[in-house]
Amino acid sequence: MSDDDREIEWWDYENADEMAAAVAGDIGFIIDSAIDARGAAVIALSGGKTPIPIYAKLAAAKHDWKRVTIVPVDERIVPLGDPLSNVTMIAKAFLPKGARVKPIVPNATADYKAAGRSADALMQDLHWPLDLCLLGVGADGHTGSIFPGPDYDEALSGPKERRALGVMPDPMPKDAPVARVTLSREAMISARALIIAVIGDAKKKVIEDAIKQGPSSKYPIGRVLADAELPVDIHWAAE
């Protein structure tokens, strides 16, 4: 529990495999609960390397996958099938199980703002709020594709009804130097459940500092979590 009484709970694990099993179990419970409540589940999953073992364990579990819709939390504006594509990685895990995995960037385009508007329109067609938003955190404190740059304030403080937007990071990340589409802060924190999964001491320190800094945090994750009213579970493994 943080100083302002937000429910932020840390779960620590000895290794990434132990964390992956726990997070997969939590996501599975959220999926089953949503299906029991209204016959369907809609979840947003992050890209990157950290969640890959989580998705492998989740996909191996028995759930009514045909009632599950999955969207990426963020996407690089690249063609489907590109190694940088988050939805391609997510689809490899869950499409064979029968889940609906919806790309939010169906076509690569040079106009990242237009890609963002298209993604927002696609998001508007989903059931809201999301049943789950699973976030990662970068060593620089970014989450989703909420990066410093010309679209930073819009991603954090844009209209509440805007669920996705195009962003141009500045500086551009070296590992994926492309424009992005991301869920807005409002879309992330309006989810019924918010889970963060990270590995390593450096990222733990970033998140701890970001939470302490609150609304004035220099880190995107701190700005996302500031004043968020929903409970947040942070799962962390040393390695």
Protein backbone atom coordinates (compact mmCIF):
# COMPACT_ATOMS: atom_id res chain seq x y z
CA MET A 1 0.00 0.00 0.00
CA SER A 2 1.51 3.32 -0.98
CA ASP A 3 1.49 6.55 1.00
CA ASP A 4 -1.69 7.77 -0.66
CA ASP A 5 -3.45 4.49 0.14
CA ARG A 6 -3.55 3.20 -3.39
CA GLU A 7 -3.57 -0.58 -3.43
CA ILE A 8 -0.23 -1.44 -4.98
CA GLU A 9 0.86 -4.92 -3.97
CA TRP A 10 4.26 -6.44 -4.72
CA TRP A 11 4.75 -10.15 -5.36
CA ASP A 12 8.39 -11.32 -5.31
CA TYR A 13 9.74 -14.53 -6.84
CA GLU A 14 13.09 -16.26 -6.87
CA ASN A 15 13.17 -16.66 -10.63
CA ALA A 16 11.33 -15.79 -13.83
CA ASP A 17 9.82 -19.26 -14.23
CA GLU A 18 8.17 -19.07 -10.81
CA MET A 19 6.85 -15.61 -11.66
CA ALA A 20 5.56 -16.76 -15.04
CA ALA A 21 3.54 -19.56 -13.44
CA ALA A 22 1.99 -17.19 -10.89
CA VAL A 23 1.11 -14.47 -13.41
CA ALA A 24 -0.32 -17.01 -15.86
CA GLY A 25 -2.47 -18.35 -13.04
CA ASP A 26 -3.75 -14.88 -12.17
CA ILE A 27 -4.54 -14.06 -15.80
CA GLY A 28 -6.34 -17.37 -16.18
CA PHE A 29 -8.48 -16.60 -13.14
CA ILE A 30 -9.37 -13.18 -14.60
CA ILE A 31 -10.30 -14.77 -17.94
CA ASP A 32 -12.49 -17.44 -16.33
CA SER A 33 -14.18 -14.89 -14.06
CA ALA A 34 -15.01 -12.61 -16.99
CA ILE A 35 -16.43 -15.50 -19.01
CA ASP A 36 -18.51 -16.60 -16.03
CA ALA A 37 -19.79 -13.05 -15.53
CA ARG A 38 -20.70 -12.09 -19.08
CA GLY A 39 -19.69 -14.87 -21.44
CA ALA A 40 -16.51 -13.29 -22.79
CA ALA A 41 -13.13 -11.83 -21.78
CA VAL A 42 -11.19 -8.96 -23.35
CA ILE A 43 -7.57 -8.53 -22.29
CA ALA A 44 -4.59 -6.42 -23.37
CA LEU A 45 -1.17 -8.07 -23.29
CA SER A 46 2.28 -6.53 -23.59
CA GLY A 47 5.07 -7.41 -25.97
CA GLY A 48 8.75 -7.82 -25.16
CA LYS A 49 10.74 -10.77 -23.86
CA THR A 50 9.61 -10.85 -20.22
CA PRO A 51 6.04 -12.10 -20.86
CA ILE A 52 6.95 -14.85 -23.34
CA PRO A 53 7.17 -17.59 -20.66
CA ILE A 54 4.00 -16.22 -19.07
CA TYR A 55 2.14 -16.62 -22.35
CA ALA A 56 3.52 -20.13 -22.87
CA LYS A 57 2.16 -21.24 -19.49
CA LEU A 58 -1.14 -19.41 -19.97
CA ALA A 59 -1.70 -20.90 -23.43
CA ALA A 60 -1.05 -24.39 -22.04
CA ALA A 61 -3.89 -24.00 -19.55
CA LYS A 62 -7.45 -25.02 -20.29
CA HIS A 63 -9.66 -21.97 -20.78
CA ASP A 64 -12.59 -21.28 -23.09
CA TRP A 65 -10.26 -19.54 -25.53
CA LYS A 66 -12.92 -18.99 -28.18
CA ARG A 67 -14.54 -16.51 -25.80
CA VAL A 68 -11.30 -14.56 -25.28
CA THR A 69 -10.29 -11.48 -27.27
CA ILE A 70 -6.70 -10.28 -26.97
CA VAL A 71 -5.22 -6.97 -28.12
CA PRO A 72 -1.66 -5.73 -27.67
CA VAL A 73 -1.11 -2.97 -25.12
CA ASP A 74 1.04 -1.30 -27.75
CA GLU A 75 2.33 -2.01 -31.20
CA ARG A 76 5.24 -0.96 -33.35
CA ILE A 77 4.11 0.40 -36.71
CA VAL A 78 5.57 -2.42 -38.78
CA PRO A 79 4.01 -5.04 -41.08
CA LEU A 80 2.32 -8.04 -39.47
CA GLY A 81 4.84 -10.84 -39.20
CA ASP A 82 7.73 -8.43 -38.65
CA PRO A 83 10.04 -9.51 -35.80
CA LEU A 84 9.26 -6.19 -34.07
CA SER A 85 5.49 -6.82 -34.15
CA ASN A 86 4.02 -7.39 -30.69
CA VAL A 87 0.75 -8.83 -31.97
CA THR A 88 2.66 -11.37 -34.05
CA MET A 89 4.38 -12.68 -30.92
CA ILE A 90 1.10 -12.77 -28.99
CA ALA A 91 -0.74 -14.46 -31.86
CA LYS A 92 1.81 -17.29 -32.01
CA ALA A 93 0.89 -18.22 -28.47
CA PHE A 94 -2.88 -17.82 -28.53
CA LEU A 95 -4.27 -18.12 -32.05
CA PRO A 96 -3.69 -21.89 -32.11
CA LYS A 97 -5.83 -22.09 -28.95
CA GLY A 98 -8.77 -20.41 -30.66
CA ALA A 99 -8.51 -16.97 -29.07
CA ARG A 100 -9.31 -13.86 -31.12
CA VAL A 101 -6.06 -11.89 -31.38
CA LYS A 102 -6.79 -8.49 -32.91
CA PRO A 103 -4.05 -6.43 -34.55
CA ILE A 104 -4.32 -2.72 -33.80
CA VAL A 105 -1.99 -1.80 -36.67
CA PRO A 106 -3.31 -3.88 -39.59
CA ASN A 107 -1.08 -2.01 -42.07
CA ALA A 108 2.24 -0.26 -41.66
CA THR A 109 2.02 3.43 -42.53
CA ALA A 110 4.29 6.45 -42.43
CA ASP A 111 1.49 8.48 -40.82
CA TYR A 112 1.68 7.38 -37.18
CA LYS A 113 -1.10 9.75 -36.14
CA ALA A 114 -3.43 8.09 -38.67
CA ALA A 115 -2.37 4.68 -37.36
CA GLY A 116 -3.31 5.84 -33.88
CA ARG A 117 -6.74 7.04 -34.99
CA SER A 118 -7.35 3.72 -36.73
CA ALA A 119 -6.31 1.79 -33.62
CA ASP A 120 -8.57 3.92 -31.45
CA ALA A 121 -11.51 3.18 -33.74
CA LEU A 122 -10.77 -0.55 -33.49
CA MET A 123 -10.59 -0.30 -29.71
CA GLN A 124 -13.94 1.48 -29.52
CA ASP A 125 -15.57 -1.67 -30.90
CA LEU A 126 -14.39 -3.79 -27.96
CA HIS A 127 -16.16 -4.33 -24.67
CA TRP A 128 -14.91 -1.79 -22.12
CA PRO A 129 -13.47 -1.63 -19.61
CA LEU A 130 -10.84 -4.24 -20.37
CA ASP A 131 -10.89 -7.22 -18.04
CA LEU A 132 -7.11 -7.03 -17.76
CA CYS A 133 -4.20 -4.85 -18.82
CA LEU A 134 -0.80 -6.53 -18.44
CA LEU A 135 2.07 -4.04 -18.48
CA GLY A 136 5.82 -4.30 -18.60
CA VAL A 137 8.25 -1.54 -17.68
CA GLY A 138 11.43 -0.58 -19.51
CA ALA A 139 14.70 0.30 -17.83
CA ASP A 140 13.92 3.92 -18.74
CA GLY A 141 10.54 3.71 -17.01
CA HIS A 142 8.35 3.57 -20.10
CA THR A 143 5.29 1.33 -20.14
CA GLY A 144 3.28 0.30 -23.17
CA SER A 145 4.64 2.77 -25.70
CA ILE A 146 4.19 5.80 -23.49
CA PHE A 147 7.55 7.43 -24.09
CA PRO A 148 8.80 11.00 -23.76
CA GLY A 149 8.31 12.83 -27.04
CA PRO A 150 5.80 15.06 -28.82
CA ASP A 151 2.85 12.81 -27.93
CA TYR A 152 3.73 12.20 -24.26
CA ASP A 153 1.21 14.55 -22.68
CA GLU A 154 -1.55 13.40 -25.01
CA ALA A 155 -0.92 9.76 -24.05
CA LEU A 156 -1.08 10.65 -20.36
CA SER A 157 -3.73 13.36 -20.28
CA GLY A 158 -5.73 13.15 -23.49
CA PRO A 159 -9.52 12.83 -23.65
CA LYS A 160 -10.84 10.06 -21.41
CA GLU A 161 -12.71 8.48 -24.29
CA ARG A 162 -9.50 8.07 -26.33
CA ARG A 163 -8.31 4.52 -25.92
CA ALA A 164 -5.33 4.43 -28.28
CA LEU A 165 -3.10 6.90 -30.09
CA GLY A 166 -0.02 7.09 -32.26
CA VAL A 167 3.27 8.10 -30.62
CA MET A 168 6.71 9.08 -31.88
CA PRO A 169 9.27 8.39 -29.12
CA ASP A 170 12.04 10.97 -28.69
CA PRO A 171 14.71 9.77 -28.37
CA MET A 172 13.89 6.72 -30.46
CA PRO A 173 14.52 3.37 -28.68
CA LYS A 174 17.62 1.72 -30.12
CA ASP A 175 16.17 -1.80 -30.06
CA ALA A 176 13.07 -0.81 -32.07
CA PRO A 177 13.52 2.60 -33.73
CA VAL A 178 9.99 2.96 -35.10
CA ALA A 179 6.83 4.91 -34.34
CA ARG A 180 4.22 3.21 -32.19
CA VAL A 181 0.57 2.91 -31.30
CA THR A 182 -0.26 2.56 -27.61
CA LEU A 183 -3.15 2.35 -25.23
CA SER A 184 -3.62 5.66 -23.47
CA ARG A 185 -3.08 6.00 -19.74
CA GLU A 186 -6.84 6.24 -19.30
CA ALA A 187 -7.40 2.97 -21.16
CA MET A 188 -4.76 1.25 -19.02
CA ILE A 189 -6.03 2.41 -15.64
CA SER A 190 -9.70 1.90 -16.47
CA ALA A 191 -9.14 -1.87 -16.77
CA ARG A 192 -10.80 -4.12 -14.20
CA ALA A 193 -7.37 -5.54 -13.34
CA LEU A 194 -3.89 -4.08 -13.82
CA ILE A 195 -0.85 -6.34 -13.56
CA ILE A 196 2.80 -5.36 -14.01
CA ALA A 197 5.44 -8.04 -14.58
CA VAL A 198 9.16 -7.20 -14.52
CA ILE A 199 12.51 -8.86 -14.01
CA GLY A 200 15.68 -7.47 -12.45
CA ASP A 201 16.75 -5.13 -9.65
CA ALA A 202 17.09 -2.12 -11.92
CA LYS A 203 13.46 -2.19 -13.02
CA LYS A 204 12.28 -2.76 -9.46
CA LYS A 205 14.15 0.37 -8.37
CA VAL A 206 12.66 2.38 -11.25
CA ILE A 207 9.12 1.36 -10.30
CA GLU A 208 9.68 2.03 -6.60
CA ASP A 209 11.09 5.48 -7.36
CA ALA A 210 8.31 6.21 -9.86
CA ILE A 211 5.58 5.37 -7.35
CA LYS A 212 7.22 7.56 -4.67
CA GLN A 213 7.49 10.48 -7.10
CA GLY A 214 3.76 10.32 -7.88
CA PRO A 215 2.19 12.75 -10.39
CA SER A 216 5.51 14.59 -10.82
CA SER A 217 7.43 11.40 -11.66
CA LYS A 218 10.11 11.64 -14.33
CA TYR A 219 9.17 8.10 -15.35
CA PRO A 220 6.18 7.28 -17.60
CA ILE A 221 5.17 4.37 -15.34
CA GLY A 222 5.00 6.77 -12.40
CA ARG A 223 2.72 9.09 -14.34
CA VAL A 224 0.52 6.16 -15.41
CA LEU A 225 0.13 4.89 -11.84
CA ALA A 226 -0.26 8.31 -10.22
CA ASP A 227 -3.76 8.66 -8.75
CA ALA A 228 -4.87 5.38 -10.35
CA GLU A 229 -7.79 4.12 -8.30
CA LEU A 230 -7.75 0.44 -9.19
CA PRO A 231 -5.62 -2.12 -7.29
CA VAL A 232 -2.30 -2.86 -8.99
CA ASP A 233 -0.36 -6.13 -8.65
CA ILE A 234 3.35 -5.87 -9.41
CA HIS A 235 5.08 -9.21 -9.99
CA TRP A 236 8.87 -9.12 -9.80
CA ALA A 237 11.58 -11.71 -10.17
CA ALA A 238 15.27 -11.14 -9.53
CA GLU A 239 16.28 -13.00 -12.70
